[in-house]
Amino acid sequence: MEDADSGAERGARGPAEPATWEELVATALLGTARRGGSPQELLDAAALRTVRRRAGLRPAEAALRPPPAPHDPRPAPPRAARQRLAQLLAGRAATGGGHRRGAAPDLTELLPQWLATAERHGYRAPSELVPALLDAARARTDLRPRALALAGARGLWLARLNPEWRFALRATAGGAGQAPDPTDGPAVARLWEEGLFAERVALLGRVRAHDPAAALRLLGTTWPQERAEDRLMFLDSLRVGLSPADEPFLEEALGDRSRNVRATAAELLSALTGSALAGRMAVRALACVGPDGVEPPAECDAGMARDGVVRRPPAGRGERAWWLGQLVEAAPLSCWRERFAGLAPERIVELAVTGGWAEGWAEELHAAWCRAAVRQRDAAWSKALLGPPSAPPAAGPGTASLAERAKLLETLPEGERAAWVAGFVRAHGLSEAFQLLGVCRVPWAGELGRAVVDALEAAREAGSYPWSFSGVMGLAERCLDPAEADHLAALTVAEAQAPAEATPGADAYWAEAFGRLVATLRLRAAMLAELAPPAGSGGRT
């Protein structure tokens, strides 16, 4: 805004002082040597003009005082945990410990773990740190769900006062206040009819988690009037709590005017292995694949298209192979045992790859079975398709990519998943294990944790540099069991006993990397201990 007494200011200006703020900025950018004067004179002039501008501001009309922030009944974390959160939010480097330069823990990467643990214990965010927590959530979308859950109603109260935090209102259904209780029918119906799209998606998800049938009824009230892109998002929310009760709605959606909606409905129905669509796909797939060989469909008829088979293949794929893969992917995996005279999945997969009857089609079949195992969450087929962990990453019984293996691993129980990945790390080291480690439960304890530590030690002894494993090292700092810290601490002195075949200087870098890993593990252990509820507090665990 223009100064209230700009004319008087111009009259009082000295000959060397720029006439406007813009000229001051220009002088700062070009340099006083080019524009005349000294840096001190420039700063004095800028300070003088700033004071004059502030003094000339006319007072604005006082706004109404906002209502008090709502009460949050959850307990605040213990004092030490609050101090740790302040440190993590500030992103300050950890002090002390005597580690080499560059060996300090990355505090920003520990913030998600602090938030997850605090949420598990039922804490709320400390009131004085809610603004910093909202700032962190604004900068990092991965923090938003847990950060907003910890900030609670007070976070929403603050978000309504600062435009930079409006994302919190968009991310929370009913951003003007508390989201309605899923059992409050009138409030749910009102938000469903009047809310923004993001609010409605979040509302449908909450109702679905509480009562899947109620969510389906709610969706049905407006389904014909919804836009195609909205119908797709709403339909995708039915993945949570998917059950045979959803089949009639999904069957009707197979006739939707949107191709993407039809495809999603078909995918969900194929995940219901007892659905009519799954049965139709089984008949088609069994007609194409059997012990005597593979005969892909000659055409994609109207019935196949209605059931979600896409007629036109991607570039580089043959039509018949494309159709075959879609049929096998959507057929219940249970149908293959009878087709192959009661053979177990491992034997069926082995025969497809090595038996000769699927010659030319083995890769297509294996990939389709992998997609089916992931979609149907079938652990037995996933184990068969994974093969032994000792098999080379690009071989084994039809094994495809590491990304595909990671998806298969997610269908296994946590213990079996960790054991398989530990076997893979012991057989192949860490260079190809990043995606597989990412699907394992944190912390990596027991066999998996020790396999990772042993592989890191083996890489050091082989003379590799630690930055060749930077992704795994970053994961290890966040995921390795803190109990491994003492064992790793011994490896930080390895540079004093470098093996003769080691690359010169590599051990010094490894010592620094191990030092950072040890410091991070010990910091995580302290962080978790600080968050533990006091004895007798009754907090959740």
Protein backbone atom coordinates (compact mmCIF):
# COMPACT_ATOMS: atom_id res chain seq x y z
CA MET A 1 0.00 0.00 0.00
CA GLU A 2 1.11 3.65 -0.48
CA ASP A 3 2.55 5.43 2.56
CA ALA A 4 0.17 7.79 4.38
CA ASP A 5 2.74 10.60 4.19
CA SER A 6 4.71 9.66 1.07
CA GLY A 7 5.09 13.28 -0.04
CA ALA A 8 6.70 14.30 3.22
CA GLU A 9 8.98 11.30 2.99
CA ARG A 10 10.14 12.27 -0.49
CA GLY A 11 10.87 15.78 0.74
CA ALA A 12 12.93 14.45 3.63
CA ARG A 13 14.89 11.99 1.46
CA GLY A 14 18.59 12.57 1.20
CA PRO A 15 20.26 12.85 -2.21
CA ALA A 16 21.85 9.38 -2.05
CA GLU A 17 18.70 7.55 -0.91
CA PRO A 18 16.67 5.75 -3.62
CA ALA A 19 13.21 7.24 -4.08
CA THR A 20 11.25 3.97 -3.90
CA TRP A 21 11.43 0.53 -2.38
CA GLU A 22 11.79 -0.88 -5.90
CA GLU A 23 14.96 1.16 -6.40
CA LEU A 24 16.32 -0.12 -3.11
CA VAL A 25 15.74 -3.67 -4.32
CA ALA A 26 17.38 -2.87 -7.67
CA THR A 27 20.44 -1.48 -5.90
CA ALA A 28 20.68 -4.60 -3.75
CA LEU A 29 20.49 -6.84 -6.83
CA LEU A 30 22.95 -4.87 -8.98
CA GLY A 31 25.32 -3.96 -6.17
CA THR A 32 26.20 -0.67 -4.54
CA ALA A 33 29.41 -0.51 -6.57
CA ARG A 34 27.32 -0.07 -9.72
CA ARG A 35 24.60 2.14 -8.27
CA GLY A 36 26.69 4.21 -5.88
CA GLY A 37 26.80 4.39 -2.10
CA SER A 38 27.91 1.78 0.37
CA PRO A 39 26.22 -1.42 1.65
CA GLN A 40 25.78 0.22 5.06
CA GLU A 41 23.98 3.20 3.53
CA LEU A 42 21.73 0.85 1.55
CA LEU A 43 20.76 -1.12 4.66
CA ASP A 44 20.16 2.10 6.62
CA ALA A 45 17.91 3.41 3.85
CA ALA A 46 15.97 0.13 3.72
CA ALA A 47 15.50 0.15 7.50
CA LEU A 48 14.36 3.77 7.45
CA ARG A 49 11.84 3.18 4.71
CA THR A 50 10.50 0.06 6.43
CA VAL A 51 9.87 1.99 9.66
CA ARG A 52 8.15 4.78 7.74
CA ARG A 53 5.89 2.35 5.89
CA ARG A 54 4.89 0.61 9.09
CA ALA A 55 4.29 3.91 10.87
CA GLY A 56 2.07 5.06 8.01
CA LEU A 57 -0.23 2.02 8.01
CA ARG A 58 -3.79 2.82 8.97
CA PRO A 59 -5.21 0.48 11.62
CA ALA A 60 -7.61 -2.12 10.24
CA GLU A 61 -11.00 -2.81 11.74
CA ALA A 62 -10.76 -5.34 14.53
CA ALA A 63 -12.01 -8.81 13.60
CA LEU A 64 -14.18 -10.93 15.83
CA ARG A 65 -12.25 -13.11 18.21
CA PRO A 66 -12.43 -16.76 17.05
CA PRO A 67 -14.20 -19.25 19.32
CA PRO A 68 -11.95 -21.22 21.69
CA ALA A 69 -10.23 -24.29 20.33
CA PRO A 70 -12.19 -27.46 21.08
CA HIS A 71 -11.02 -29.70 23.89
CA ASP A 72 -9.04 -32.81 22.97
CA PRO A 73 -9.47 -35.45 25.70
CA ARG A 74 -6.47 -37.52 24.60
CA PRO A 75 -3.34 -37.28 26.76
CA ALA A 76 -0.27 -35.41 25.62
CA PRO A 77 2.92 -37.45 25.17
CA PRO A 78 5.44 -37.54 28.02
CA ARG A 79 7.73 -34.53 28.30
CA ALA A 80 10.77 -36.24 26.80
CA ALA A 81 8.69 -37.36 23.82
CA ARG A 82 7.40 -33.81 23.32
CA GLN A 83 10.95 -32.50 23.28
CA ARG A 84 11.91 -35.19 20.78
CA LEU A 85 9.03 -34.22 18.50
CA ALA A 86 10.14 -30.59 18.61
CA GLN A 87 13.62 -31.70 17.57
CA LEU A 88 12.29 -33.85 14.73
CA LEU A 89 10.05 -31.09 13.44
CA ALA A 90 12.90 -28.60 13.53
CA GLY A 91 15.08 -31.06 11.62
CA ARG A 92 18.11 -30.24 13.76
CA ALA A 93 21.09 -32.55 13.54
CA ALA A 94 21.50 -34.79 16.55
CA THR A 95 24.21 -33.69 18.93
CA GLY A 96 26.66 -35.69 20.93
CA GLY A 97 27.73 -39.29 20.38
CA GLY A 98 31.18 -38.51 19.04
CA HIS A 99 30.43 -39.69 15.50
CA ARG A 100 32.34 -38.57 12.44
CA ARG A 101 31.07 -35.69 10.35
CA GLY A 102 28.27 -37.04 8.14
CA ALA A 103 27.36 -39.79 10.60
CA ALA A 104 24.50 -37.94 12.29
CA PRO A 105 21.00 -39.48 11.95
CA ASP A 106 18.56 -37.99 9.46
CA LEU A 107 15.89 -36.76 11.85
CA THR A 108 13.32 -35.97 9.17
CA GLU A 109 13.14 -39.67 8.24
CA LEU A 110 12.30 -40.62 11.84
CA LEU A 111 9.28 -38.33 12.06
CA PRO A 112 6.83 -40.82 10.44
CA GLN A 113 7.84 -43.47 13.00
CA TRP A 114 7.33 -41.04 15.90
CA LEU A 115 3.87 -40.12 14.60
CA ALA A 116 2.86 -43.76 14.06
CA THR A 117 3.97 -44.77 17.57
CA ALA A 118 2.25 -41.78 19.18
CA GLU A 119 -0.97 -42.60 17.35
CA ARG A 120 -0.73 -46.22 18.47
CA HIS A 121 -0.44 -45.08 22.10
CA GLY A 122 -3.46 -42.81 21.76
CA TYR A 123 -1.67 -39.49 22.27
CA ARG A 124 -2.64 -36.10 20.89
CA ALA A 125 -0.16 -33.62 19.47
CA PRO A 126 1.28 -31.21 22.06
CA SER A 127 -0.65 -27.95 21.70
CA GLU A 128 2.46 -25.82 21.26
CA LEU A 129 3.69 -28.04 18.40
CA VAL A 130 0.47 -28.23 16.38
CA PRO A 131 1.51 -25.31 14.10
CA ALA A 132 4.87 -26.92 13.32
CA LEU A 133 3.14 -30.26 12.76
CA LEU A 134 0.74 -28.67 10.27
CA ASP A 135 3.70 -27.04 8.50
CA ALA A 136 5.40 -30.43 8.23
CA ALA A 137 2.21 -32.03 6.87
CA ARG A 138 1.85 -29.24 4.32
CA ALA A 139 5.37 -29.92 3.04
CA ARG A 140 5.14 -33.74 3.10
CA THR A 141 1.94 -35.40 1.96
CA ASP A 142 3.09 -38.76 3.35
CA LEU A 143 2.82 -37.30 6.86
CA ARG A 144 -0.69 -35.92 6.49
CA PRO A 145 -2.93 -38.81 7.63
CA ARG A 146 -1.13 -39.36 10.93
CA ALA A 147 -0.20 -35.72 11.49
CA LEU A 148 -3.83 -34.64 11.10
CA ALA A 149 -5.02 -37.50 13.30
CA LEU A 150 -2.67 -36.37 16.08
CA ALA A 151 -3.51 -32.69 15.59
CA GLY A 152 -7.18 -33.59 15.93
CA ALA A 153 -9.90 -30.97 16.34
CA ARG A 154 -7.37 -28.36 17.42
CA GLY A 155 -5.50 -28.79 14.18
CA LEU A 156 -8.69 -28.18 12.21
CA TRP A 157 -9.43 -25.15 14.38
CA LEU A 158 -6.03 -23.68 13.49
CA ALA A 159 -6.34 -24.65 9.82
CA ARG A 160 -9.43 -22.46 9.50
CA LEU A 161 -7.34 -19.46 10.63
CA ASN A 162 -4.40 -19.89 8.25
CA PRO A 163 -4.86 -20.27 4.47
CA GLU A 164 -1.59 -22.21 4.23
CA TRP A 165 -3.16 -25.01 6.29
CA ARG A 166 -6.40 -25.29 4.34
CA PHE A 167 -5.23 -28.66 3.03
CA ALA A 168 -6.20 -30.05 6.44
CA LEU A 169 -9.82 -29.06 5.84
CA ARG A 170 -9.81 -30.66 2.40
CA ALA A 171 -8.23 -33.84 3.73
CA THR A 172 -10.79 -34.23 6.51
CA ALA A 173 -14.41 -34.89 5.69
CA GLY A 174 -16.59 -32.22 7.19
CA GLY A 175 -13.63 -29.87 7.43
CA ALA A 176 -15.79 -27.21 9.04
CA GLY A 177 -15.95 -29.38 12.12
CA GLN A 178 -15.83 -32.94 13.35
CA ALA A 179 -16.69 -35.59 10.77
CA PRO A 180 -20.09 -37.19 11.41
CA ASP A 181 -20.31 -40.46 13.23
CA PRO A 182 -20.84 -43.28 10.69
CA THR A 183 -23.93 -44.34 12.65
CA ASP A 184 -25.51 -40.87 12.53
CA GLY A 185 -27.76 -41.43 9.52
CA PRO A 186 -29.09 -37.87 9.05
CA ALA A 187 -25.62 -36.28 9.40
CA VAL A 188 -24.08 -38.82 7.02
CA ALA A 189 -26.84 -38.28 4.47
CA ARG A 190 -26.49 -34.49 4.71
CA LEU A 191 -22.73 -34.55 4.12
CA TRP A 192 -23.16 -37.09 1.32
CA GLU A 193 -25.65 -34.80 -0.43
CA GLU A 194 -23.93 -31.48 0.24
CA GLY A 195 -20.24 -32.19 0.78
CA LEU A 196 -17.30 -31.61 -1.51
CA PHE A 197 -16.05 -34.57 -3.52
CA ALA A 198 -13.05 -35.21 -1.24
CA GLU A 199 -15.33 -35.08 1.79
CA ARG A 200 -17.72 -37.56 0.22
CA VAL A 201 -14.92 -40.00 -0.68
CA ALA A 202 -13.60 -39.87 2.89
CA LEU A 203 -17.11 -40.25 4.29
CA LEU A 204 -17.84 -43.29 2.14
CA GLY A 205 -14.57 -44.86 3.28
CA ARG A 206 -15.40 -44.35 6.95
CA VAL A 207 -18.92 -45.68 6.59
CA ARG A 208 -17.55 -48.64 4.61
CA ALA A 209 -15.06 -49.45 7.37
CA HIS A 210 -17.86 -49.35 9.96
CA ASP A 211 -20.69 -51.01 8.01
CA PRO A 212 -19.99 -52.19 4.42
CA ALA A 213 -23.67 -52.71 3.65
CA ALA A 214 -24.56 -49.19 4.81
CA ALA A 215 -21.87 -47.73 2.54
CA LEU A 216 -23.27 -49.63 -0.43
CA ARG A 217 -26.77 -48.32 0.31
CA LEU A 218 -25.42 -44.78 0.63
CA LEU A 219 -23.63 -45.05 -2.70
CA GLY A 220 -26.73 -46.39 -4.37
CA THR A 221 -28.78 -43.31 -3.46
CA THR A 222 -26.85 -41.09 -5.89
CA TRP A 223 -25.05 -43.54 -8.19
CA PRO A 224 -26.96 -42.79 -11.42
CA GLN A 225 -26.37 -39.03 -11.05
CA GLU A 226 -22.64 -39.20 -10.30
CA ARG A 227 -20.03 -38.20 -12.88
CA ALA A 228 -18.02 -41.03 -14.46
CA GLU A 229 -14.77 -40.04 -12.74
CA ASP A 230 -16.59 -39.82 -9.39
CA ARG A 231 -18.24 -43.21 -9.89
CA LEU A 232 -14.78 -44.68 -10.47
CA MET A 233 -13.41 -43.29 -7.20
CA PHE A 234 -16.46 -44.36 -5.23
CA LEU A 235 -16.33 -47.85 -6.72
CA ASP A 236 -12.66 -48.15 -5.79
CA SER A 237 -13.56 -47.55 -2.14
CA LEU A 238 -15.46 -50.87 -2.14
CA ARG A 239 -12.14 -52.73 -2.04
CA VAL A 240 -12.27 -52.30 1.73
CA GLY A 241 -14.58 -54.94 3.14
CA LEU A 242 -15.27 -56.48 -0.27
CA SER A 243 -17.70 -59.41 0.15
CA PRO A 244 -20.29 -61.45 -1.79
CA ALA A 245 -22.90 -58.93 -0.64
CA ASP A 246 -21.36 -56.44 -3.09
CA GLU A 247 -21.83 -58.73 -6.10
CA PRO A 248 -25.27 -57.50 -7.28
CA PHE A 249 -24.10 -53.88 -7.28
CA LEU A 250 -20.88 -54.75 -9.09
CA GLU A 251 -22.69 -56.91 -11.67
CA GLU A 252 -24.91 -53.95 -12.47
CA ALA A 253 -21.81 -51.75 -12.80
CA LEU A 254 -20.54 -54.07 -15.56
CA GLY A 255 -23.06 -52.29 -17.78
CA ASP A 256 -21.85 -48.81 -16.85
CA ARG A 257 -21.35 -46.33 -19.68
CA SER A 258 -17.75 -45.65 -18.51
CA ARG A 259 -15.11 -48.14 -19.64
CA ASN A 260 -12.98 -47.51 -16.53
CA VAL A 261 -15.93 -48.13 -14.22
CA ARG A 262 -16.70 -51.39 -16.03
CA ALA A 263 -13.07 -52.50 -15.75
CA THR A 264 -12.92 -51.78 -12.03
CA ALA A 265 -16.20 -53.60 -11.40
CA ALA A 266 -14.88 -56.62 -13.29
CA GLU A 267 -11.64 -56.58 -11.29
CA LEU A 268 -13.51 -56.48 -7.99
CA LEU A 269 -15.84 -59.28 -9.07
CA SER A 270 -12.89 -61.46 -10.08
CA ALA A 271 -11.46 -60.97 -6.58
CA LEU A 272 -14.72 -62.55 -5.30
CA THR A 273 -13.79 -66.08 -6.36
CA GLY A 274 -17.36 -67.31 -5.85
CA SER A 275 -18.96 -64.63 -8.03
CA ALA A 276 -20.80 -65.36 -11.25
CA LEU A 277 -18.20 -63.42 -13.22
CA ALA A 278 -15.37 -65.49 -11.71
CA GLY A 279 -17.27 -68.62 -12.74
CA ARG A 280 -17.69 -67.36 -16.30
CA MET A 281 -14.01 -66.52 -16.50
CA ALA A 282 -13.08 -69.97 -15.16
CA VAL A 283 -15.06 -71.67 -17.93
CA ARG A 284 -13.31 -69.56 -20.56
CA ALA A 285 -9.82 -70.02 -19.06
CA LEU A 286 -10.21 -73.78 -18.62
CA ALA A 287 -11.24 -74.05 -22.27
CA CYS A 288 -7.91 -72.47 -23.22
CA VAL A 289 -5.42 -74.04 -20.78
CA GLY A 290 -4.96 -77.65 -19.74
CA PRO A 291 -2.48 -80.54 -19.49
CA ASP A 292 -2.69 -81.05 -23.25
CA GLY A 293 -1.58 -77.55 -24.12
CA VAL A 294 -2.64 -73.94 -24.52
CA GLU A 295 -5.07 -72.61 -27.13
CA PRO A 296 -5.75 -68.87 -26.65
CA PRO A 297 -9.17 -67.51 -27.58
CA ALA A 298 -9.65 -66.79 -31.25
CA GLU A 299 -11.74 -63.69 -30.62
CA CYS A 300 -12.99 -61.40 -27.87
CA ASP A 301 -16.76 -61.82 -28.03
CA ALA A 302 -19.40 -59.54 -26.52
CA GLY A 303 -19.65 -61.61 -23.35
CA MET A 304 -15.93 -61.37 -22.71
CA ALA A 305 -15.99 -57.63 -23.31
CA ARG A 306 -18.90 -57.18 -20.87
CA ASP A 307 -16.94 -59.12 -18.24
CA GLY A 308 -14.03 -56.70 -18.48
CA VAL A 309 -11.77 -58.20 -21.17
CA VAL A 310 -10.16 -55.35 -23.08
CA ARG A 311 -10.21 -56.02 -26.81
CA ARG A 312 -7.30 -53.89 -28.03
CA PRO A 313 -3.87 -54.97 -26.72
CA PRO A 314 -1.04 -52.58 -25.83
CA ALA A 315 1.62 -51.93 -28.44
CA GLY A 316 3.83 -54.95 -28.95
CA ARG A 317 1.35 -57.50 -27.56
CA GLY A 318 -0.51 -60.00 -29.69
CA GLU A 319 -4.30 -60.02 -29.41
CA ARG A 320 -4.70 -63.69 -28.46
CA ALA A 321 -1.96 -63.58 -25.81
CA TRP A 322 -3.52 -60.40 -24.41
CA TRP A 323 -6.97 -62.00 -24.16
CA LEU A 324 -5.55 -65.22 -22.67
CA GLY A 325 -3.76 -63.33 -19.92
CA GLN A 326 -6.93 -61.48 -18.95
CA LEU A 327 -8.98 -64.69 -18.78
CA VAL A 328 -6.44 -66.54 -16.63
CA GLU A 329 -5.96 -63.51 -14.38
CA ALA A 330 -9.69 -63.28 -13.64
CA ALA A 331 -10.33 -67.01 -13.14
CA PRO A 332 -10.35 -68.38 -9.56
CA LEU A 333 -7.02 -70.07 -8.85
CA SER A 334 -8.90 -72.94 -7.24
CA CYS A 335 -10.12 -74.09 -10.67
CA TRP A 336 -6.64 -75.19 -11.75
CA ARG A 337 -6.24 -77.94 -9.16
CA GLU A 338 -9.16 -79.89 -10.64
CA ARG A 339 -8.02 -79.14 -14.19
CA PHE A 340 -4.62 -80.65 -13.41
CA ALA A 341 -5.84 -83.78 -11.58
CA GLY A 342 -5.41 -82.45 -8.05
CA LEU A 343 -1.83 -81.23 -8.42
CA ALA A 344 -0.56 -78.65 -5.92
CA PRO A 345 0.16 -75.10 -7.15
CA GLU A 346 3.94 -75.66 -7.02
CA ARG A 347 3.65 -78.63 -9.36
CA ILE A 348 1.28 -76.85 -11.76
CA VAL A 349 3.66 -73.88 -12.02
CA GLU A 350 6.65 -76.18 -12.51
CA LEU A 351 4.91 -78.11 -15.28
CA ALA A 352 3.86 -74.90 -17.03
CA VAL A 353 7.46 -73.74 -17.12
CA THR A 354 9.36 -76.96 -17.71
CA GLY A 355 6.78 -79.55 -18.78
CA GLY A 356 6.54 -78.50 -22.39
CA TRP A 357 2.73 -78.48 -22.60
CA ALA A 358 2.69 -74.66 -22.26
CA GLU A 359 5.52 -74.12 -24.72
CA GLY A 360 5.40 -70.58 -26.02
CA TRP A 361 2.82 -69.50 -23.44
CA ALA A 362 4.57 -70.22 -20.12
CA GLU A 363 5.61 -66.61 -19.54
CA GLU A 364 2.10 -65.34 -20.28
CA LEU A 365 0.53 -67.92 -17.96
CA HIS A 366 2.98 -67.24 -15.14
CA ALA A 367 2.42 -63.49 -15.29
CA ALA A 368 -1.37 -63.96 -15.30
CA TRP A 369 -1.23 -66.36 -12.35
CA CYS A 370 0.90 -63.83 -10.47
CA ARG A 371 -1.72 -61.12 -10.99
CA ALA A 372 -4.46 -63.54 -9.93
CA ALA A 373 -2.60 -64.54 -6.75
CA VAL A 374 -2.16 -60.88 -5.77
CA ARG A 375 -5.78 -60.01 -6.55
CA GLN A 376 -7.19 -63.05 -4.74
CA ARG A 377 -4.68 -62.82 -1.86
CA ASP A 378 -3.83 -66.51 -2.30
CA ALA A 379 -0.75 -67.27 -0.20
CA ALA A 380 -0.33 -70.85 -1.45
CA TRP A 381 -0.18 -69.77 -5.08
CA SER A 382 2.03 -66.82 -4.20
CA LYS A 383 4.61 -69.14 -2.63
CA ALA A 384 4.49 -71.41 -5.66
CA LEU A 385 4.98 -68.49 -8.04
CA LEU A 386 7.76 -66.96 -5.95
CA GLY A 387 9.80 -70.11 -6.05
CA PRO A 388 12.72 -70.66 -3.66
CA PRO A 389 14.51 -67.49 -2.49
CA SER A 390 17.80 -68.96 -3.67
CA ALA A 391 16.64 -68.84 -7.31
CA PRO A 392 18.29 -66.03 -9.30
CA PRO A 393 16.21 -62.85 -9.41
CA ALA A 394 15.49 -63.20 -13.12
CA ALA A 395 15.01 -66.98 -13.16
CA GLY A 396 13.41 -69.59 -10.94
CA PRO A 397 10.19 -71.33 -11.98
CA GLY A 398 8.92 -68.60 -14.29
CA THR A 399 9.86 -65.82 -11.91
CA ALA A 400 9.30 -62.41 -13.43
CA SER A 401 10.40 -59.05 -12.05
CA LEU A 402 11.37 -58.13 -8.52
CA ALA A 403 8.37 -55.79 -8.42
CA GLU A 404 6.13 -58.77 -9.12
CA ARG A 405 7.82 -60.75 -6.36
CA ALA A 406 7.25 -57.89 -3.93
CA LYS A 407 3.53 -57.94 -4.69
CA LEU A 408 3.38 -61.71 -4.20
CA LEU A 409 5.23 -61.41 -0.89
CA GLU A 410 2.57 -59.03 0.44
CA THR A 411 0.03 -61.86 0.35
CA LEU A 412 2.12 -64.05 2.69
CA PRO A 413 1.88 -63.99 6.50
CA GLU A 414 4.43 -61.61 8.01
CA GLY A 415 6.67 -64.36 9.37
CA GLU A 416 6.83 -66.27 6.08
CA ARG A 417 7.43 -63.03 4.20
CA ALA A 418 10.40 -62.09 6.41
CA ALA A 419 11.87 -65.59 6.20
CA TRP A 420 11.66 -65.61 2.38
CA VAL A 421 13.30 -62.19 2.07
CA ALA A 422 16.02 -63.22 4.56
CA GLY A 423 16.76 -66.22 2.36
CA PHE A 424 16.90 -63.99 -0.70
CA VAL A 425 19.33 -61.59 0.99
CA ARG A 426 21.58 -64.44 2.12
CA ALA A 427 21.62 -65.90 -1.39
CA HIS A 428 21.92 -62.72 -3.46
CA GLY A 429 23.04 -59.92 -1.17
CA LEU A 430 21.41 -56.51 -0.98
CA SER A 431 21.86 -55.05 -4.45
CA GLU A 432 18.47 -56.36 -5.63
CA ALA A 433 16.67 -56.58 -2.30
CA PHE A 434 15.39 -53.01 -1.91
CA GLN A 435 11.83 -53.62 -3.17
CA LEU A 436 11.53 -56.88 -1.25
CA LEU A 437 12.69 -55.37 2.04
CA GLY A 438 10.16 -52.58 1.61
CA VAL A 439 7.21 -54.98 2.07
CA CYS A 440 8.53 -56.50 5.32
CA ARG A 441 7.19 -55.60 8.73
CA VAL A 442 9.11 -53.06 10.80
CA PRO A 443 11.28 -53.63 12.73
CA TRP A 444 13.32 -56.19 10.82
CA ALA A 445 13.95 -58.53 13.70
CA GLY A 446 15.37 -62.00 14.07
CA GLU A 447 16.46 -63.83 10.94
CA LEU A 448 15.76 -60.95 8.55
CA GLY A 449 17.59 -58.33 10.62
CA ARG A 450 20.63 -60.54 10.99
CA ALA A 451 20.63 -61.36 7.27
CA VAL A 452 20.71 -57.65 6.41
CA VAL A 453 23.52 -56.92 8.87
CA ASP A 454 25.55 -59.90 7.60
CA ALA A 455 25.04 -58.76 3.99
CA LEU A 456 26.23 -55.25 4.82
CA GLU A 457 29.30 -56.67 6.49
CA ALA A 458 29.95 -58.91 3.48
CA ALA A 459 29.67 -55.91 1.14
CA ARG A 460 32.23 -54.04 3.24
CA GLU A 461 34.61 -57.00 3.23
CA ALA A 462 34.25 -57.27 -0.55
CA GLY A 463 35.53 -53.71 -0.94
CA SER A 464 32.27 -52.16 -2.17
CA TYR A 465 31.41 -48.58 -1.32
CA PRO A 466 28.40 -47.94 0.95
CA TRP A 467 26.74 -45.55 -1.48
CA SER A 468 26.18 -48.55 -3.77
CA PHE A 469 23.64 -49.61 -1.15
CA SER A 470 22.31 -46.18 -0.20
CA GLY A 471 18.68 -47.21 -0.64
CA VAL A 472 19.02 -50.24 1.59
CA MET A 473 21.08 -48.29 4.14
CA GLY A 474 18.32 -45.68 4.34
CA LEU A 475 15.73 -48.41 4.85
CA ALA A 476 17.89 -50.09 7.47
CA GLU A 477 18.14 -46.87 9.48
CA ARG A 478 14.33 -46.70 9.65
CA CYS A 479 13.48 -50.40 9.77
CA LEU A 480 16.27 -52.45 11.36
CA ASP A 481 15.67 -53.67 14.89
CA PRO A 482 17.44 -51.26 17.30
CA ALA A 483 18.76 -54.35 19.10
CA GLU A 484 21.26 -54.75 16.24
CA ALA A 485 23.03 -51.52 17.22
CA ASP A 486 25.65 -53.16 19.44
CA HIS A 487 26.61 -55.68 16.79
CA LEU A 488 26.89 -52.94 14.18
CA ALA A 489 28.95 -50.75 16.50
CA ALA A 490 31.76 -53.28 16.27
CA LEU A 491 31.86 -52.81 12.50
CA THR A 492 32.65 -49.10 12.79
CA VAL A 493 36.22 -49.96 13.76
CA ALA A 494 36.74 -52.09 10.66
CA GLU A 495 38.80 -49.41 8.93
CA ALA A 496 41.66 -50.23 11.31
CA GLN A 497 41.73 -53.83 10.01
CA ALA A 498 41.01 -53.27 6.31
CA PRO A 499 41.40 -56.49 4.28
CA ALA A 500 44.17 -56.45 1.71
CA GLU A 501 41.71 -56.78 -1.19
CA ALA A 502 39.49 -53.89 -0.04
CA THR A 503 39.25 -50.80 -2.21
CA PRO A 504 41.52 -48.11 -0.72
CA GLY A 505 39.52 -45.79 1.46
CA ALA A 506 36.30 -47.86 1.31
CA ASP A 507 36.50 -48.90 4.97
CA ALA A 508 36.57 -45.30 6.14
CA TYR A 509 33.31 -44.66 4.31
CA TRP A 510 31.81 -47.87 5.70
CA ALA A 511 32.80 -46.87 9.23
CA GLU A 512 30.99 -43.58 8.73
CA ALA A 513 27.92 -45.31 7.28
CA PHE A 514 27.83 -47.85 10.11
CA GLY A 515 28.30 -45.04 12.61
CA ARG A 516 25.27 -43.23 11.23
CA LEU A 517 23.27 -46.48 11.27
CA VAL A 518 24.22 -47.20 14.87
CA ALA A 519 23.41 -43.63 15.95
CA THR A 520 20.03 -43.81 14.23
CA LEU A 521 19.15 -47.18 15.78
CA ARG A 522 20.01 -45.92 19.24
CA LEU A 523 18.05 -42.75 18.66
CA ARG A 524 15.04 -44.84 17.57
CA ALA A 525 15.35 -46.96 20.70
CA ALA A 526 15.39 -43.84 22.87
CA MET A 527 12.48 -42.36 20.91
CA LEU A 528 10.31 -45.43 21.41
CA ALA A 529 11.17 -45.57 25.11
CA GLU A 530 10.22 -41.91 25.52
CA LEU A 531 6.83 -42.55 23.94
CA ALA A 532 5.99 -45.48 26.20
CA PRO A 533 3.03 -44.55 28.45
CA PRO A 534 3.93 -44.12 32.13
CA ALA A 535 3.16 -47.12 34.30
CA GLY A 536 -0.48 -47.15 35.36
CA SER A 537 -1.53 -44.47 32.86
CA GLY A 538 -3.90 -46.78 31.03
CA GLY A 539 -2.70 -45.60 27.61
CA ARG A 540 -3.14 -47.79 24.54
CA THR A 541 -0.19 -49.93 23.44
